[in-house]
mmCIF file of all heavy atoms, coordinates in Angstrom:
data_MODEL
# 
_entry.id   MODEL 
# 
loop_
_atom_site.group_PDB 
_atom_site.id 
_atom_site.type_symbol 
_atom_site.label_atom_id 
_atom_site.label_alt_id 
_atom_site.label_comp_id 
_atom_site.label_asym_id 
_atom_site.label_entity_id 
_atom_site.label_seq_id 
_atom_site.pdbx_PDB_ins_code 
_atom_site.Cartn_x 
_atom_site.Cartn_y 
_atom_site.Cartn_z 
_atom_site.occupancy 
_atom_site.B_iso_or_equiv 
_atom_site.pdbx_formal_charge 
_atom_site.auth_seq_id 
_atom_site.auth_comp_id 
_atom_site.auth_asym_id 
_atom_site.auth_atom_id 
_atom_site.pdbx_PDB_model_num 
ATOM 1   N N   . VAL A 1 1  ? -3.667  72.630 -24.791 1.00 0.00 ? 1  VAL A N   1 
ATOM 2   C CA  . VAL A 1 1  ? -4.774  73.032 -25.658 1.00 0.00 ? 1  VAL A CA  1 
ATOM 3   C C   . VAL A 1 1  ? -5.306  71.836 -26.435 1.00 0.00 ? 1  VAL A C   1 
ATOM 4   O O   . VAL A 1 1  ? -6.510  71.589 -26.458 1.00 0.00 ? 1  VAL A O   1 
ATOM 5   C CB  . VAL A 1 1  ? -4.329  74.153 -26.639 1.00 0.00 ? 1  VAL A CB  1 
ATOM 6   C CG1 . VAL A 1 1  ? -5.467  74.569 -27.551 1.00 0.00 ? 1  VAL A CG1 1 
ATOM 7   C CG2 . VAL A 1 1  ? -3.795  75.357 -25.855 1.00 0.00 ? 1  VAL A CG2 1 
ATOM 8   N N   . GLY A 1 2  ? -4.417  71.085 -27.065 1.00 0.00 ? 2  GLY A N   1 
ATOM 9   C CA  . GLY A 1 2  ? -4.828  69.982 -27.929 1.00 0.00 ? 2  GLY A CA  1 
ATOM 10  C C   . GLY A 1 2  ? -5.240  68.726 -27.163 1.00 0.00 ? 2  GLY A C   1 
ATOM 11  O O   . GLY A 1 2  ? -6.415  68.354 -27.157 1.00 0.00 ? 2  GLY A O   1 
ATOM 12  N N   . PHE A 1 3  ? -4.259  68.079 -26.510 1.00 0.00 ? 3  PHE A N   1 
ATOM 13  C CA  . PHE A 1 3  ? -4.537  66.786 -25.868 1.00 0.00 ? 3  PHE A CA  1 
ATOM 14  C C   . PHE A 1 3  ? -5.595  66.903 -24.770 1.00 0.00 ? 3  PHE A C   1 
ATOM 15  O O   . PHE A 1 3  ? -6.585  66.146 -24.774 1.00 0.00 ? 3  PHE A O   1 
ATOM 16  C CB  . PHE A 1 3  ? -3.243  66.173 -25.304 1.00 0.00 ? 3  PHE A CB  1 
ATOM 17  C CG  . PHE A 1 3  ? -3.446  64.787 -24.778 1.00 0.00 ? 3  PHE A CG  1 
ATOM 18  C CD1 . PHE A 1 3  ? -3.430  63.714 -25.633 1.00 0.00 ? 3  PHE A CD1 1 
ATOM 19  C CD2 . PHE A 1 3  ? -3.707  64.557 -23.437 1.00 0.00 ? 3  PHE A CD2 1 
ATOM 20  C CE1 . PHE A 1 3  ? -3.642  62.415 -25.168 1.00 0.00 ? 3  PHE A CE1 1 
ATOM 21  C CE2 . PHE A 1 3  ? -3.920  63.292 -22.951 1.00 0.00 ? 3  PHE A CE2 1 
ATOM 22  C CZ  . PHE A 1 3  ? -3.890  62.210 -23.819 1.00 0.00 ? 3  PHE A CZ  1 
ATOM 23  N N   . CYS A 1 4  ? -5.393  67.824 -23.845 1.00 0.00 ? 4  CYS A N   1 
ATOM 24  C CA  . CYS A 1 4  ? -6.360  67.942 -22.735 1.00 0.00 ? 4  CYS A CA  1 
ATOM 25  C C   . CYS A 1 4  ? -7.720  68.407 -23.234 1.00 0.00 ? 4  CYS A C   1 
ATOM 26  O O   . CYS A 1 4  ? -8.756  67.958 -22.744 1.00 0.00 ? 4  CYS A O   1 
ATOM 27  C CB  . CYS A 1 4  ? -5.822  68.888 -21.667 1.00 0.00 ? 4  CYS A CB  1 
ATOM 28  S SG  . CYS A 1 4  ? -4.405  68.218 -20.777 1.00 0.00 ? 4  CYS A SG  1 
ATOM 29  N N   . GLY A 1 5  ? -7.707  69.308 -24.221 1.00 0.00 ? 5  GLY A N   1 
ATOM 30  C CA  . GLY A 1 5  ? -8.982  69.756 -24.806 1.00 0.00 ? 5  GLY A CA  1 
ATOM 31  C C   . GLY A 1 5  ? -9.714  68.616 -25.496 1.00 0.00 ? 5  GLY A C   1 
ATOM 32  O O   . GLY A 1 5  ? -10.942 68.499 -25.421 1.00 0.00 ? 5  GLY A O   1 
ATOM 33  N N   . GLY A 1 6  ? -8.976  67.759 -26.191 1.00 0.00 ? 6  GLY A N   1 
ATOM 34  C CA  . GLY A 1 6  ? -9.594  66.630 -26.857 1.00 0.00 ? 6  GLY A CA  1 
ATOM 35  C C   . GLY A 1 6  ? -9.985  65.514 -25.891 1.00 0.00 ? 6  GLY A C   1 
ATOM 36  O O   . GLY A 1 6  ? -11.013 64.854 -26.074 1.00 0.00 ? 6  GLY A O   1 
ATOM 37  N N   . MET A 1 7  ? -9.190  65.315 -24.865 1.00 0.00 ? 7  MET A N   1 
ATOM 38  C CA  . MET A 1 7  ? -9.451  64.241 -23.909 1.00 0.00 ? 7  MET A CA  1 
ATOM 39  C C   . MET A 1 7  ? -10.687 64.564 -23.044 1.00 0.00 ? 7  MET A C   1 
ATOM 40  O O   . MET A 1 7  ? -11.542 63.708 -22.830 1.00 0.00 ? 7  MET A O   1 
ATOM 41  C CB  . MET A 1 7  ? -8.255  64.000 -23.024 1.00 0.00 ? 7  MET A CB  1 
ATOM 42  C CG  . MET A 1 7  ? -8.421  62.855 -22.057 1.00 0.00 ? 7  MET A CG  1 
ATOM 43  S SD  . MET A 1 7  ? -6.903  62.626 -21.131 1.00 0.00 ? 7  MET A SD  1 
ATOM 44  C CE  . MET A 1 7  ? -7.446  61.520 -19.853 1.00 0.00 ? 7  MET A CE  1 
ATOM 45  N N   . SER A 1 8  ? -10.756 65.795 -22.578 1.00 0.00 ? 8  SER A N   1 
ATOM 46  C CA  . SER A 1 8  ? -11.921 66.177 -21.766 1.00 0.00 ? 8  SER A CA  1 
ATOM 47  C C   . SER A 1 8  ? -13.095 66.466 -22.695 1.00 0.00 ? 8  SER A C   1 
ATOM 48  O O   . SER A 1 8  ? -12.890 66.767 -23.863 1.00 0.00 ? 8  SER A O   1 
ATOM 49  C CB  . SER A 1 8  ? -11.590 67.405 -20.897 1.00 0.00 ? 8  SER A CB  1 
ATOM 50  O OG  . SER A 1 8  ? -11.277 68.507 -21.707 1.00 0.00 ? 8  SER A OG  1 
ATOM 51  N N   . THR A 1 9  ? -14.276 66.372 -22.157 1.00 0.00 ? 9  THR A N   1 
ATOM 52  C CA  . THR A 1 9  ? -15.419 66.564 -23.030 1.00 0.00 ? 9  THR A CA  1 
ATOM 53  C C   . THR A 1 9  ? -16.588 67.170 -22.272 1.00 0.00 ? 9  THR A C   1 
ATOM 54  O O   . THR A 1 9  ? -17.272 66.497 -21.503 1.00 0.00 ? 9  THR A O   1 
ATOM 55  C CB  . THR A 1 9  ? -15.847 65.243 -23.697 1.00 0.00 ? 9  THR A CB  1 
ATOM 56  O OG1 . THR A 1 9  ? -17.059 65.466 -24.408 1.00 0.00 ? 9  THR A OG1 1 
ATOM 57  C CG2 . THR A 1 9  ? -16.017 64.115 -22.734 1.00 0.00 ? 9  THR A CG2 1 
ATOM 58  N N   . PHE A 1 10 ? -16.771 68.456 -22.468 1.00 0.00 ? 10 PHE A N   1 
ATOM 59  C CA  . PHE A 1 10 ? -17.893 69.139 -21.832 1.00 0.00 ? 10 PHE A CA  1 
ATOM 60  C C   . PHE A 1 10 ? -19.219 68.750 -22.501 1.00 0.00 ? 10 PHE A C   1 
ATOM 61  O O   . PHE A 1 10 ? -20.228 68.596 -21.832 1.00 0.00 ? 10 PHE A O   1 
ATOM 62  C CB  . PHE A 1 10 ? -17.678 70.657 -21.894 1.00 0.00 ? 10 PHE A CB  1 
ATOM 63  C CG  . PHE A 1 10 ? -18.691 71.418 -21.114 1.00 0.00 ? 10 PHE A CG  1 
ATOM 64  C CD1 . PHE A 1 10 ? -18.638 71.439 -19.727 1.00 0.00 ? 10 PHE A CD1 1 
ATOM 65  C CD2 . PHE A 1 10 ? -19.723 72.098 -21.738 1.00 0.00 ? 10 PHE A CD2 1 
ATOM 66  C CE1 . PHE A 1 10 ? -19.581 72.118 -18.983 1.00 0.00 ? 10 PHE A CE1 1 
ATOM 67  C CE2 . PHE A 1 10 ? -20.673 72.785 -21.007 1.00 0.00 ? 10 PHE A CE2 1 
ATOM 68  C CZ  . PHE A 1 10 ? -20.608 72.803 -19.625 1.00 0.00 ? 10 PHE A CZ  1 
ATOM 69  N N   . SER A 1 11 ? -19.177 68.546 -23.803 1.00 0.00 ? 11 SER A N   1 
ATOM 70  C CA  . SER A 1 11 ? -20.415 68.217 -24.516 1.00 0.00 ? 11 SER A CA  1 
ATOM 71  C C   . SER A 1 11 ? -20.984 66.867 -24.066 1.00 0.00 ? 11 SER A C   1 
ATOM 72  O O   . SER A 1 11 ? -22.198 66.715 -23.890 1.00 0.00 ? 11 SER A O   1 
ATOM 73  C CB  . SER A 1 11 ? -20.197 68.236 -26.023 1.00 0.00 ? 11 SER A CB  1 
ATOM 74  O OG  . SER A 1 11 ? -19.168 67.364 -26.395 1.00 0.00 ? 11 SER A OG  1 
ATOM 75  N N   . HIS A 1 12 ? -20.135 65.869 -23.879 1.00 0.00 ? 12 HIS A N   1 
ATOM 76  C CA  . HIS A 1 12 ? -20.594 64.547 -23.430 1.00 0.00 ? 12 HIS A CA  1 
ATOM 77  C C   . HIS A 1 12 ? -21.148 64.658 -22.012 1.00 0.00 ? 12 HIS A C   1 
ATOM 78  O O   . HIS A 1 12 ? -22.193 64.083 -21.689 1.00 0.00 ? 12 HIS A O   1 
ATOM 79  C CB  . HIS A 1 12 ? -19.438 63.544 -23.492 1.00 0.00 ? 12 HIS A CB  1 
ATOM 80  C CG  . HIS A 1 12 ? -19.853 62.133 -23.340 1.00 0.00 ? 12 HIS A CG  1 
ATOM 81  N ND1 . HIS A 1 12 ? -19.875 61.243 -24.386 1.00 0.00 ? 12 HIS A ND1 1 
ATOM 82  C CD2 . HIS A 1 12 ? -20.296 61.438 -22.260 1.00 0.00 ? 12 HIS A CD2 1 
ATOM 83  C CE1 . HIS A 1 12 ? -20.294 60.076 -23.956 1.00 0.00 ? 12 HIS A CE1 1 
ATOM 84  N NE2 . HIS A 1 12 ? -20.556 60.170 -22.669 1.00 0.00 ? 12 HIS A NE2 1 
ATOM 85  N N   . PHE A 1 13 ? -20.437 65.404 -21.177 1.00 0.00 ? 13 PHE A N   1 
ATOM 86  C CA  . PHE A 1 13 ? -20.860 65.638 -19.794 1.00 0.00 ? 13 PHE A CA  1 
ATOM 87  C C   . PHE A 1 13 ? -22.241 66.292 -19.760 1.00 0.00 ? 13 PHE A C   1 
ATOM 88  O O   . PHE A 1 13 ? -23.132 65.856 -19.013 1.00 0.00 ? 13 PHE A O   1 
ATOM 89  C CB  . PHE A 1 13 ? -19.809 66.511 -19.097 1.00 0.00 ? 13 PHE A CB  1 
ATOM 90  C CG  . PHE A 1 13 ? -20.276 67.185 -17.847 1.00 0.00 ? 13 PHE A CG  1 
ATOM 91  C CD1 . PHE A 1 13 ? -20.481 66.459 -16.684 1.00 0.00 ? 13 PHE A CD1 1 
ATOM 92  C CD2 . PHE A 1 13 ? -20.505 68.556 -17.833 1.00 0.00 ? 13 PHE A CD2 1 
ATOM 93  C CE1 . PHE A 1 13 ? -20.922 67.089 -15.528 1.00 0.00 ? 13 PHE A CE1 1 
ATOM 94  C CE2 . PHE A 1 13 ? -20.931 69.193 -16.680 1.00 0.00 ? 13 PHE A CE2 1 
ATOM 95  C CZ  . PHE A 1 13 ? -21.135 68.456 -15.527 1.00 0.00 ? 13 PHE A CZ  1 
ATOM 96  N N   . THR A 1 14 ? -22.458 67.325 -20.588 1.00 0.00 ? 14 THR A N   1 
ATOM 97  C CA  . THR A 1 14 ? -23.754 67.999 -20.570 1.00 0.00 ? 14 THR A CA  1 
ATOM 98  C C   . THR A 1 14 ? -24.863 67.114 -21.144 1.00 0.00 ? 14 THR A C   1 
ATOM 99  O O   . THR A 1 14 ? -26.011 67.177 -20.666 1.00 0.00 ? 14 THR A O   1 
ATOM 100 C CB  . THR A 1 14 ? -23.711 69.342 -21.322 1.00 0.00 ? 14 THR A CB  1 
ATOM 101 O OG1 . THR A 1 14 ? -23.242 69.142 -22.659 1.00 0.00 ? 14 THR A OG1 1 
ATOM 102 C CG2 . THR A 1 14 ? -22.819 70.346 -20.616 1.00 0.00 ? 14 THR A CG2 1 
ATOM 103 N N   . ARG A 1 15 ? -24.528 66.305 -22.146 1.00 0.00 ? 15 ARG A N   1 
ATOM 104 C CA  . ARG A 1 15 ? -25.541 65.386 -22.695 1.00 0.00 ? 15 ARG A CA  1 
ATOM 105 C C   . ARG A 1 15 ? -25.981 64.382 -21.640 1.00 0.00 ? 15 ARG A C   1 
ATOM 106 O O   . ARG A 1 15 ? -27.177 64.120 -21.445 1.00 0.00 ? 15 ARG A O   1 
ATOM 107 C CB  . ARG A 1 15 ? -25.041 64.669 -23.935 1.00 0.00 ? 15 ARG A CB  1 
ATOM 108 C CG  . ARG A 1 15 ? -26.163 63.834 -24.597 1.00 0.00 ? 15 ARG A CG  1 
ATOM 109 C CD  . ARG A 1 15 ? -25.648 62.803 -25.553 1.00 0.00 ? 15 ARG A CD  1 
ATOM 110 N NE  . ARG A 1 15 ? -24.669 61.913 -24.984 1.00 0.00 ? 15 ARG A NE  1 
ATOM 111 C CZ  . ARG A 1 15 ? -24.934 60.855 -24.210 1.00 0.00 ? 15 ARG A CZ  1 
ATOM 112 N NH1 . ARG A 1 15 ? -26.163 60.562 -23.862 1.00 0.00 ? 15 ARG A NH1 1 
ATOM 113 N NH2 . ARG A 1 15 ? -23.968 60.085 -23.758 1.00 0.00 ? 15 ARG A NH2 1 
ATOM 114 N N   . GLU A 1 16 ? -25.014 63.799 -20.935 1.00 0.00 ? 16 GLU A N   1 
ATOM 115 C CA  . GLU A 1 16 ? -25.347 62.846 -19.878 1.00 0.00 ? 16 GLU A CA  1 
ATOM 116 C C   . GLU A 1 16 ? -26.183 63.510 -18.791 1.00 0.00 ? 16 GLU A C   1 
ATOM 117 O O   . GLU A 1 16 ? -27.153 62.932 -18.279 1.00 0.00 ? 16 GLU A O   1 
ATOM 118 C CB  . GLU A 1 16 ? -24.087 62.241 -19.258 1.00 0.00 ? 16 GLU A CB  1 
ATOM 119 C CG  . GLU A 1 16 ? -23.405 61.222 -20.132 1.00 0.00 ? 16 GLU A CG  1 
ATOM 120 C CD  . GLU A 1 16 ? -22.166 60.640 -19.486 1.00 0.00 ? 16 GLU A CD  1 
ATOM 121 O OE1 . GLU A 1 16 ? -21.672 61.183 -18.472 1.00 0.00 ? 16 GLU A OE1 1 
ATOM 122 O OE2 . GLU A 1 16 ? -21.678 59.629 -20.014 1.00 0.00 ? 16 GLU A OE2 1 
ATOM 123 N N   . THR A 1 17 ? -25.795 64.725 -18.422 1.00 0.00 ? 17 THR A N   1 
ATOM 124 C CA  . THR A 1 17 ? -26.528 65.450 -17.375 1.00 0.00 ? 17 THR A CA  1 
ATOM 125 C C   . THR A 1 17 ? -27.953 65.769 -17.828 1.00 0.00 ? 17 THR A C   1 
ATOM 126 O O   . THR A 1 17 ? -28.906 65.573 -17.073 1.00 0.00 ? 17 THR A O   1 
ATOM 127 C CB  . THR A 1 17 ? -25.778 66.751 -16.997 1.00 0.00 ? 17 THR A CB  1 
ATOM 128 O OG1 . THR A 1 17 ? -24.443 66.413 -16.600 1.00 0.00 ? 17 THR A OG1 1 
ATOM 129 C CG2 . THR A 1 17 ? -26.480 67.465 -15.857 1.00 0.00 ? 17 THR A CG2 1 
ATOM 130 N N   . SER A 1 18 ? -28.110 66.216 -19.059 1.00 0.00 ? 18 SER A N   1 
ATOM 131 C CA  . SER A 1 18 ? -29.458 66.515 -19.542 1.00 0.00 ? 18 SER A CA  1 
ATOM 132 C C   . SER A 1 18 ? -30.304 65.234 -19.644 1.00 0.00 ? 18 SER A C   1 
ATOM 133 O O   . SER A 1 18 ? -31.509 65.267 -19.359 1.00 0.00 ? 18 SER A O   1 
ATOM 134 C CB  . SER A 1 18 ? -29.433 67.261 -20.878 1.00 0.00 ? 18 SER A CB  1 
ATOM 135 O OG  . SER A 1 18 ? -28.925 66.464 -21.904 1.00 0.00 ? 18 SER A OG  1 
ATOM 136 N N   . ASP A 1 19 ? -29.686 64.127 -20.028 1.00 0.00 ? 19 ASP A N   1 
ATOM 137 C CA  . ASP A 1 19 ? -30.416 62.838 -20.058 1.00 0.00 ? 19 ASP A CA  1 
ATOM 138 C C   . ASP A 1 19 ? -30.934 62.477 -18.671 1.00 0.00 ? 19 ASP A C   1 
ATOM 139 O O   . ASP A 1 19 ? -32.075 62.031 -18.518 1.00 0.00 ? 19 ASP A O   1 
ATOM 140 C CB  . ASP A 1 19 ? -29.535 61.711 -20.582 1.00 0.00 ? 19 ASP A CB  1 
ATOM 141 C CG  . ASP A 1 19 ? -29.307 61.780 -22.093 1.00 0.00 ? 19 ASP A CG  1 
ATOM 142 O OD1 . ASP A 1 19 ? -29.974 62.584 -22.768 1.00 0.00 ? 19 ASP A OD1 1 
ATOM 143 O OD2 . ASP A 1 19 ? -28.459 60.993 -22.576 1.00 0.00 ? 19 ASP A OD2 1 
ATOM 144 N N   . MET A 1 20 ? -30.077 62.674 -17.651 1.00 0.00 ? 20 MET A N   1 
ATOM 145 C CA  . MET A 1 20 ? -30.509 62.354 -16.282 1.00 0.00 ? 20 MET A CA  1 
ATOM 146 C C   . MET A 1 20 ? -31.641 63.282 -15.860 1.00 0.00 ? 20 MET A C   1 
ATOM 147 O O   . MET A 1 20 ? -32.626 62.834 -15.242 1.00 0.00 ? 20 MET A O   1 
ATOM 148 C CB  . MET A 1 20 ? -29.325 62.490 -15.323 1.00 0.00 ? 20 MET A CB  1 
ATOM 149 C CG  . MET A 1 20 ? -28.301 61.369 -15.436 1.00 0.00 ? 20 MET A CG  1 
ATOM 150 S SD  . MET A 1 20 ? -26.964 61.535 -14.246 1.00 0.00 ? 20 MET A SD  1 
ATOM 151 C CE  . MET A 1 20 ? -25.797 62.535 -15.157 1.00 0.00 ? 20 MET A CE  1 
ATOM 152 N N   . MET A 1 21 ? -31.546 64.554 -16.207 1.00 0.00 ? 21 MET A N   1 
ATOM 153 C CA  . MET A 1 21 ? -32.580 65.510 -15.834 1.00 0.00 ? 21 MET A CA  1 
ATOM 154 C C   . MET A 1 21 ? -33.900 65.185 -16.541 1.00 0.00 ? 21 MET A C   1 
ATOM 155 O O   . MET A 1 21 ? -34.966 65.197 -15.907 1.00 0.00 ? 21 MET A O   1 
ATOM 156 C CB  . MET A 1 21 ? -32.130 66.932 -16.154 1.00 0.00 ? 21 MET A CB  1 
ATOM 157 C CG  . MET A 1 21 ? -30.985 67.388 -15.277 1.00 0.00 ? 21 MET A CG  1 
ATOM 158 S SD  . MET A 1 21 ? -30.317 68.985 -15.765 1.00 0.00 ? 21 MET A SD  1 
ATOM 159 C CE  . MET A 1 21 ? -31.664 70.050 -15.363 1.00 0.00 ? 21 MET A CE  1 
ATOM 160 N N   . LEU A 1 22 ? -33.821 64.871 -17.822 1.00 0.00 ? 22 LEU A N   1 
ATOM 161 C CA  . LEU A 1 22 ? -35.041 64.531 -18.567 1.00 0.00 ? 22 LEU A CA  1 
ATOM 162 C C   . LEU A 1 22 ? -35.678 63.245 -18.068 1.00 0.00 ? 22 LEU A C   1 
ATOM 163 O O   . LEU A 1 22 ? -36.906 63.091 -18.143 1.00 0.00 ? 22 LEU A O   1 
ATOM 164 C CB  . LEU A 1 22 ? -34.732 64.414 -20.063 1.00 0.00 ? 22 LEU A CB  1 
ATOM 165 C CG  . LEU A 1 22 ? -34.391 65.746 -20.761 1.00 0.00 ? 22 LEU A CG  1 
ATOM 166 C CD1 . LEU A 1 22 ? -33.875 65.490 -22.172 1.00 0.00 ? 22 LEU A CD1 1 
ATOM 167 C CD2 . LEU A 1 22 ? -35.572 66.672 -20.747 1.00 0.00 ? 22 LEU A CD2 1 
ATOM 168 N N   . ALA A 1 23 ? -34.868 62.355 -17.530 1.00 0.00 ? 23 ALA A N   1 
ATOM 169 C CA  . ALA A 1 23 ? -35.397 61.106 -16.972 1.00 0.00 ? 23 ALA A CA  1 
ATOM 170 C C   . ALA A 1 23 ? -35.917 61.304 -15.545 1.00 0.00 ? 23 ALA A C   1 
ATOM 171 O O   . ALA A 1 23 ? -36.419 60.368 -14.937 1.00 0.00 ? 23 ALA A O   1 
ATOM 172 C CB  . ALA A 1 23 ? -34.301 60.028 -16.978 1.00 0.00 ? 23 ALA A CB  1 
ATOM 173 N N   . GLY A 1 24 ? -35.798 62.527 -15.029 1.00 0.00 ? 24 GLY A N   1 
ATOM 174 C CA  . GLY A 1 24 ? -36.294 62.831 -13.684 1.00 0.00 ? 24 GLY A CA  1 
ATOM 175 C C   . GLY A 1 24 ? -35.330 62.494 -12.570 1.00 0.00 ? 24 GLY A C   1 
ATOM 176 O O   . GLY A 1 24 ? -35.682 62.584 -11.405 1.00 0.00 ? 24 GLY A O   1 
ATOM 177 N N   . ASP A 1 25 ? -34.100 62.152 -12.919 1.00 0.00 ? 25 ASP A N   1 
ATOM 178 C CA  . ASP A 1 25 ? -33.096 61.795 -11.902 1.00 0.00 ? 25 ASP A CA  1 
ATOM 179 C C   . ASP A 1 25 ? -32.266 63.019 -11.559 1.00 0.00 ? 25 ASP A C   1 
ATOM 180 O O   . ASP A 1 25 ? -31.079 63.129 -11.865 1.00 0.00 ? 25 ASP A O   1 
ATOM 181 C CB  . ASP A 1 25 ? -32.200 60.669 -12.422 1.00 0.00 ? 25 ASP A CB  1 
ATOM 182 C CG  . ASP A 1 25 ? -31.501 59.941 -11.302 1.00 0.00 ? 25 ASP A CG  1 
ATOM 183 O OD1 . ASP A 1 25 ? -31.517 60.443 -10.155 1.00 0.00 ? 25 ASP A OD1 1 
ATOM 184 O OD2 . ASP A 1 25 ? -30.931 58.868 -11.561 1.00 0.00 ? 25 ASP A OD2 1 
ATOM 185 N N   . LEU A 1 26 ? -32.933 63.981 -10.911 1.00 0.00 ? 26 LEU A N   1 
ATOM 186 C CA  . LEU A 1 26 ? -32.308 65.268 -10.602 1.00 0.00 ? 26 LEU A CA  1 
ATOM 187 C C   . LEU A 1 26 ? -31.206 65.133 -9.555  1.00 0.00 ? 26 LEU A C   1 
ATOM 188 O O   . LEU A 1 26 ? -30.220 65.869 -9.618  1.00 0.00 ? 26 LEU A O   1 
ATOM 189 C CB  . LEU A 1 26 ? -33.365 66.263 -10.138 1.00 0.00 ? 26 LEU A CB  1 
ATOM 190 C CG  . LEU A 1 26 ? -34.468 66.569 -11.158 1.00 0.00 ? 26 LEU A CG  1 
ATOM 191 C CD1 . LEU A 1 26 ? -35.467 67.570 -10.583 1.00 0.00 ? 26 LEU A CD1 1 
ATOM 192 C CD2 . LEU A 1 26 ? -33.888 67.061 -12.461 1.00 0.00 ? 26 LEU A CD2 1 
ATOM 193 N N   . VAL A 1 27 ? -31.352 64.206 -8.622  1.00 0.00 ? 27 VAL A N   1 
ATOM 194 C CA  . VAL A 1 27 ? -30.313 64.023 -7.604  1.00 0.00 ? 27 VAL A CA  1 
ATOM 195 C C   . VAL A 1 27 ? -29.018 63.531 -8.248  1.00 0.00 ? 27 VAL A C   1 
ATOM 196 O O   . VAL A 1 27 ? -27.945 64.075 -7.986  1.00 0.00 ? 27 VAL A O   1 
ATOM 197 C CB  . VAL A 1 27 ? -30.788 63.060 -6.493  1.00 0.00 ? 27 VAL A CB  1 
ATOM 198 C CG1 . VAL A 1 27 ? -29.652 62.700 -5.550  1.00 0.00 ? 27 VAL A CG1 1 
ATOM 199 C CG2 . VAL A 1 27 ? -31.965 63.671 -5.736  1.00 0.00 ? 27 VAL A CG2 1 
# 
């Protein structure tokens, strides 16, 4: 719960993905 939850990061992953989508890099 603690270590793996803190180590992994869904929020960072979604921010990077949305940045790529907004930049038009859908692939």
